[in-house]
Amino acid sequence: MSLNVAGDGVRALLTDPQTSGGLLVSCAPEAVDDVLAIFRADAAVIGEMVDGAGRVEVA
């Protein structure tokens, strides 16, 4: 997996469990509506899993 971010400080901030914030949940595409309903307004879809080499891009 690669993490494409600018600078070591940003990388540390994004990967430090003390600053990571909320819970990250994954589910099958067909279960998205049910999972969002469980978490109510405190949840959002932030990405999807696709085939290929692992990488993280932060915009």
Protein backbone atom coordinates (compact mmCIF):
# COMPACT_ATOMS: atom_id res chain seq x y z
CA MET A 1 0.00 0.00 0.00
CA SER A 2 1.23 3.51 -0.73
CA LEU A 3 0.12 6.74 0.92
CA ASN A 4 0.35 9.73 -1.44
CA VAL A 5 0.45 12.81 0.82
CA ALA A 6 2.66 15.87 0.99
CA GLY A 7 5.22 15.68 3.77
CA ASP A 8 5.93 13.49 6.76
CA GLY A 9 3.89 15.76 9.07
CA VAL A 10 0.73 15.21 7.06
CA ARG A 11 1.40 11.47 6.91
CA ALA A 12 1.86 11.32 10.69
CA LEU A 13 -1.34 13.29 11.28
CA LEU A 14 -3.37 11.04 8.96
CA THR A 15 -2.08 7.80 10.46
CA ASP A 16 -1.91 8.69 14.17
CA PRO A 17 -4.70 6.86 16.06
CA GLN A 18 -4.96 9.79 18.49
CA THR A 19 -6.13 12.11 15.69
CA SER A 20 -7.89 9.68 13.38
CA GLY A 21 -11.38 10.55 14.58
CA GLY A 22 -14.29 8.23 13.97
CA LEU A 23 -14.86 4.65 13.02
CA LEU A 24 -14.17 3.37 9.51
CA VAL A 25 -16.61 0.68 8.36
CA SER A 26 -16.61 -1.30 5.14
CA CYS A 27 -19.50 -3.23 3.63
CA ALA A 28 -20.70 -4.76 0.38
CA PRO A 29 -22.12 -2.23 -2.11
CA GLU A 30 -25.59 -3.73 -1.78
CA ALA A 31 -25.55 -3.12 2.00
CA VAL A 32 -24.64 0.60 1.92
CA ASP A 33 -28.16 1.91 2.59
CA ASP A 34 -28.69 -0.46 5.51
CA VAL A 35 -25.31 0.38 7.07
CA LEU A 36 -25.88 4.13 6.68
CA ALA A 37 -29.29 3.74 8.33
CA ILE A 38 -27.67 2.08 11.35
CA PHE A 39 -25.32 5.03 11.87
CA ARG A 40 -27.95 7.61 10.89
CA ALA A 41 -26.65 11.14 10.18
CA ASP A 42 -23.18 10.39 11.58
CA ALA A 43 -22.06 8.36 8.54
CA ALA A 44 -21.05 8.93 4.94
CA VAL A 45 -19.70 6.96 2.01
CA ILE A 46 -16.07 8.05 1.52
CA GLY A 47 -14.79 5.62 -1.11
CA GLU A 48 -14.91 2.18 -2.61
CA MET A 49 -12.69 -0.86 -2.90
CA VAL A 50 -11.45 -1.71 -6.38
CA ASP A 51 -9.13 -4.30 -7.88
CA GLY A 52 -5.50 -3.36 -8.30
CA ALA A 53 -2.43 -2.34 -6.34
CA GLY A 54 -3.21 -0.88 -2.91
CA ARG A 55 -2.87 2.89 -2.52
CA VAL A 56 -4.41 5.80 -0.64
CA GLU A 57 -4.87 9.22 -2.25
CA VAL A 58 -5.71 12.26 -0.14
CA ALA A 59 -7.10 15.29 -1.96
